[in-house]
Protein backbone atom coordinates (compact mmCIF):
# COMPACT_ATOMS: atom_id res chain seq x y z
CA MET A 1 -5.86 -1.65 -8.23
CA CYS A 2 -5.22 -5.21 -9.32
CA GLY A 3 -3.12 -6.36 -6.41
CA ARG A 4 0.57 -6.52 -7.28
CA LEU A 5 3.29 -4.23 -5.97
CA THR A 6 6.98 -3.93 -5.12
CA GLN A 7 8.98 -3.20 -1.98
CA TYR A 8 12.64 -3.52 -2.90
CA ARG A 9 14.28 -0.71 -0.93
CA GLY A 10 15.25 -1.14 2.70
CA ILE A 11 12.86 0.06 5.40
CA HIS A 12 15.33 2.79 6.41
CA ASP A 13 15.19 4.19 2.86
CA PHE A 14 11.42 4.52 3.15
CA VAL A 15 11.50 6.03 6.64
CA ALA A 16 14.21 8.55 5.71
CA VAL A 17 11.84 10.17 3.20
CA LEU A 18 9.22 10.60 5.93
CA SER A 19 11.72 12.68 7.96
CA ILE A 20 10.46 11.33 11.28
CA PRO A 21 12.92 12.36 14.01
CA ASP A 22 12.00 9.72 16.59
CA ALA A 23 13.69 6.35 16.70
CA LEU A 24 12.27 3.62 14.49
CA LEU A 25 11.23 0.37 16.16
CA ASN A 26 12.27 -1.90 13.34
CA HIS A 27 10.95 -5.47 13.23
CA VAL A 28 11.56 -6.10 9.52
CA GLY A 29 15.37 -5.94 9.41
CA ASP A 30 17.90 -3.61 7.84
CA ALA A 31 18.50 -5.38 4.52
CA PRO A 32 16.73 -4.40 1.28
CA LEU A 33 13.26 -5.93 1.20
CA ASP A 34 13.77 -7.26 -2.37
CA ARG A 35 10.07 -7.87 -3.07
CA TYR A 36 9.71 -7.26 -6.79
CA ASN A 37 6.40 -9.04 -7.30
CA ALA A 38 4.30 -9.04 -4.12
CA ALA A 39 0.82 -10.52 -4.41
CA PRO A 40 -2.18 -10.68 -2.04
CA THR A 41 -1.58 -12.74 1.13
CA THR A 42 2.11 -11.81 0.88
CA THR A 43 3.69 -10.52 4.08
CA LEU A 44 4.78 -6.92 3.49
CA ALA A 45 6.46 -4.21 5.51
CA VAL A 46 4.10 -1.60 6.96
CA LEU A 47 4.57 1.45 9.16
CA HIS A 48 2.28 2.35 12.06
CA GLN A 49 2.60 4.62 15.05
CA HIS A 50 2.10 3.85 18.74
CA GLU A 51 2.25 6.91 20.97
CA GLN A 52 5.29 8.79 19.58
CA ALA A 53 7.17 5.85 18.09
CA ILE A 54 7.01 4.55 14.52
CA HIS A 55 6.93 0.75 14.22
CA ALA A 56 7.97 -1.20 11.12
CA ASP A 57 6.31 -4.62 11.09
CA ASN A 58 5.65 -7.44 8.67
CA LEU A 59 1.93 -7.88 8.06
CA ARG A 60 -0.15 -9.99 5.70
CA TRP A 61 -1.80 -8.20 2.78
CA GLY A 62 -5.49 -8.92 3.21
CA TRP A 63 -7.94 -8.72 6.12
CA ARG A 64 -11.54 -9.56 6.95
CA PRO A 65 -13.59 -9.28 10.14
CA HIS A 66 -14.16 -12.41 12.17
CA TRP A 67 -17.81 -12.63 11.05
CA ALA A 68 -16.98 -12.69 7.32
CA LYS A 69 -15.49 -16.18 7.10
CA ASP A 70 -17.51 -16.91 3.95
CA ARG A 71 -15.36 -14.68 1.73
CA ALA A 72 -11.70 -14.25 0.91
CA PRO A 73 -9.98 -11.46 2.81
CA PRO A 74 -10.14 -8.25 0.72
CA ILE A 75 -6.85 -6.57 -0.08
CA ASN A 76 -8.32 -3.11 -0.77
CA ALA A 77 -10.95 -0.86 0.78
CA ARG A 78 -12.88 1.70 -1.25
CA VAL A 79 -12.43 5.23 0.03
CA GLU A 80 -16.12 5.91 -0.52
CA LYS A 81 -17.16 3.32 2.07
CA VAL A 82 -14.24 2.61 4.38
CA ALA A 83 -15.05 5.23 7.02
CA HIS A 84 -18.71 4.36 7.49
CA GLY A 85 -19.29 0.79 6.36
CA ALA A 86 -19.61 -2.10 8.81
CA PHE A 87 -17.00 -4.32 7.16
CA PHE A 88 -13.95 -2.27 8.15
CA ARG A 89 -15.36 -0.70 11.33
CA ALA A 90 -13.11 -2.72 13.61
CA ILE A 91 -9.90 -1.42 12.00
CA TRP A 92 -10.90 2.06 10.79
CA ARG A 93 -9.00 3.65 13.69
CA GLN A 94 -5.90 1.51 13.10
CA ARG A 95 -4.11 3.48 10.41
CA LEU A 96 -0.90 2.46 8.70
CA ILE A 97 1.25 3.28 5.70
CA VAL A 98 2.32 0.72 3.11
CA PRO A 99 5.54 2.11 1.58
CA VAL A 100 6.02 0.84 -1.98
CA ASP A 101 8.36 1.54 -4.84
CA ASN A 102 5.69 0.99 -7.50
CA TRP A 103 2.69 -1.13 -8.38
CA PHE A 104 1.49 -3.00 -11.46
CA GLU A 105 -1.73 -2.96 -13.48
CA TRP A 106 -2.83 -4.98 -16.51
CA VAL A 107 -4.50 -3.47 -19.58
CA ASP A 108 -6.38 -5.43 -22.25
CA SER A 109 -4.22 -5.22 -25.39
CA GLY A 110 -6.52 -7.24 -27.66
CA GLU A 111 -6.38 -10.77 -29.00
CA LYS A 112 -6.97 -12.17 -25.50
CA SER A 113 -3.75 -10.57 -24.29
CA ARG A 114 -3.14 -8.29 -21.31
CA GLN A 115 -0.21 -5.91 -21.09
CA PRO A 116 1.31 -5.20 -17.66
CA TRP A 117 2.23 -1.63 -16.76
CA LEU A 118 4.39 -0.34 -13.94
CA ILE A 119 3.21 2.79 -12.08
CA ARG A 120 5.52 4.82 -9.86
CA ARG A 121 6.04 8.35 -8.65
CA ALA A 122 7.52 10.51 -11.39
CA ASP A 123 10.29 11.61 -9.03
CA GLN A 124 10.94 7.92 -8.20
CA ALA A 125 10.49 8.59 -4.49
CA PRO A 126 8.61 6.02 -2.39
CA ALA A 127 4.83 5.95 -2.67
CA PHE A 128 3.19 6.03 0.76
CA CYS A 129 -0.10 4.15 0.37
CA ALA A 130 -2.78 4.77 2.97
CA GLY A 131 -3.97 1.63 4.70
CA ILE A 132 -5.72 0.29 7.76
CA GLY A 133 -5.25 -3.02 9.48
CA GLN A 134 -5.23 -5.31 12.46
CA PHE A 135 -1.76 -5.42 13.94
CA PRO A 136 -0.36 -6.23 17.39
CA ALA A 137 0.25 -3.51 19.94
CA PRO A 138 3.75 -3.39 21.45
CA GLY A 139 4.31 -6.37 23.70
CA VAL A 140 1.26 -8.23 22.40
CA ALA A 141 1.64 -11.44 20.43
CA PRO A 142 0.50 -11.39 16.76
CA ARG A 143 -2.84 -13.02 15.95
CA GLU A 144 -3.53 -15.44 13.16
CA ASP A 145 -6.03 -13.08 11.51
CA ASP A 146 -3.83 -9.96 11.57
CA GLY A 147 -3.62 -8.20 8.22
CA PHE A 148 -4.13 -4.96 6.31
CA VAL A 149 -5.90 -3.43 3.33
CA ILE A 150 -4.84 -0.58 1.05
CA ILE A 151 -7.38 2.20 0.54
CA THR A 152 -8.26 2.94 -3.08
CA ALA A 153 -10.03 5.74 -4.94
CA ASP A 154 -11.22 6.38 -8.48
CA SER A 155 -8.42 7.04 -10.94
CA LEU A 156 -8.19 10.44 -12.60
CA GLY A 157 -6.29 11.88 -15.56
CA GLY A 158 -3.95 9.60 -17.46
CA LEU A 159 -4.06 6.92 -14.76
CA LEU A 160 -7.65 6.23 -15.76
CA ASP A 161 -6.35 4.76 -19.03
CA ILE A 162 -4.46 2.13 -17.04
CA HIS A 163 -7.01 1.20 -14.37
CA ASP A 164 -10.19 2.68 -12.91
CA ARG A 165 -8.92 2.43 -9.32
CA ARG A 166 -5.69 3.57 -7.70
CA PRO A 167 -4.22 3.47 -4.20
CA VAL A 168 -4.52 6.66 -2.16
CA VAL A 169 -0.92 7.86 -1.98
CA PHE A 170 0.19 10.60 0.40
CA ASP A 171 3.18 12.90 0.30
CA SER A 172 5.50 12.64 3.30
CA ALA A 173 3.78 15.35 5.36
CA ARG A 174 0.33 13.84 4.97
CA ALA A 175 1.72 10.34 5.55
CA ARG A 176 3.03 11.51 8.93
CA GLU A 177 -0.34 13.06 9.72
CA TRP A 178 -2.15 9.86 8.70
CA LEU A 179 0.06 7.80 11.02
CA ASP A 180 -0.37 10.11 14.00
CA PRO A 181 -2.96 8.63 16.42
CA ALA A 182 -3.89 12.19 17.40
CA THR A 183 -5.27 12.90 13.91
CA PRO A 184 -9.08 12.97 14.27
CA LEU A 185 -11.13 10.44 12.31
CA GLU A 186 -12.92 13.23 10.46
CA ARG A 187 -9.60 14.69 9.34
CA ALA A 188 -8.36 11.24 8.26
CA GLU A 189 -11.42 10.77 6.06
CA GLN A 190 -10.96 14.23 4.53
CA MET A 191 -7.36 13.37 3.68
CA LEU A 192 -8.43 10.20 1.90
CA LEU A 193 -11.13 11.92 -0.10
CA PHE A 194 -9.33 15.09 -1.13
CA GLU A 195 -5.59 15.05 -0.42
CA GLY A 196 -4.12 12.02 -2.16
CA GLU A 197 -1.41 12.64 -4.74
CA PRO A 198 -2.79 13.58 -8.21
CA SER A 199 -2.17 11.69 -11.44
CA GLU A 200 0.49 14.23 -12.41
CA ALA A 201 2.68 12.93 -9.57
CA PHE A 202 3.07 9.55 -11.31
CA GLU A 203 4.51 8.02 -14.45
CA TRP A 204 3.83 4.63 -16.01
CA TYR A 205 5.33 2.37 -18.64
CA LYS A 206 5.02 -1.13 -20.05
CA VAL A 207 6.95 -4.02 -18.50
CA GLY A 208 7.47 -7.64 -19.53
CA LYS A 209 4.78 -10.25 -19.02
CA ALA A 210 6.96 -12.28 -16.66
CA VAL A 211 5.48 -10.22 -13.82
CA GLY A 212 2.27 -12.16 -14.30
CA ASN A 213 3.84 -15.16 -12.54
CA THR A 214 4.32 -14.46 -8.82
CA ARG A 215 7.18 -16.97 -8.69
CA ASN A 216 9.25 -14.50 -10.72
CA GLN A 217 11.13 -12.18 -8.38
CA SER A 218 13.92 -10.04 -9.83
CA ALA A 219 14.81 -6.49 -10.80
CA GLN A 220 14.18 -7.39 -14.44
CA LEU A 221 10.44 -7.27 -13.74
CA ILE A 222 10.51 -3.49 -13.39
CA GLU A 223 12.45 -2.79 -16.59
CA ARG A 224 10.74 -0.82 -19.34
CA VAL A 225 9.85 -2.64 -22.58
CA ASP A 226 8.78 -1.22 -25.95
């Protein structure tokens, strides 16, 4: 996963698909998010659960432990290592969902040119990406090093032609289970390894190269091109 995605629906549109009956504690606002070209270090809307309540918060895309100041904060965590490696140990229990409309990948098209592709769910529903992060508990002030990473796995099927890695995307039922603090760590790891949405759940098409510049932010970036 190259590190570019969109969040243009409103947070209520994302939460409605999750069918969570409890009240949402919304700290990101009611308006459409309108992020058509979000890059690493961008502040994005994430969902996490505290006790029985779902919280929607803005959180920076990228995180590193305090002892890894010699490297840029990663934006992704490999599913093969995230549960047992030392790097993400401090946040492995702090699960969240990054709701996105779609994400972008670039494919070498020859002659020193790279073609961007948009990837989204074939039913055009939100994609609930599994993530972990450092975020404030209710009533606690945010910290300067708060942030999150999206968990990725090897691509399969047709998605492999676009990129060798993909975010782990859950359907709504598994997204709710991932958010639930009562879900055991062993079960959470099993979900990441075996229960992400398959390639058949997605579609992809070429988009214009304007998406390569993060200053471009408009609905035109997600339009299909020949």
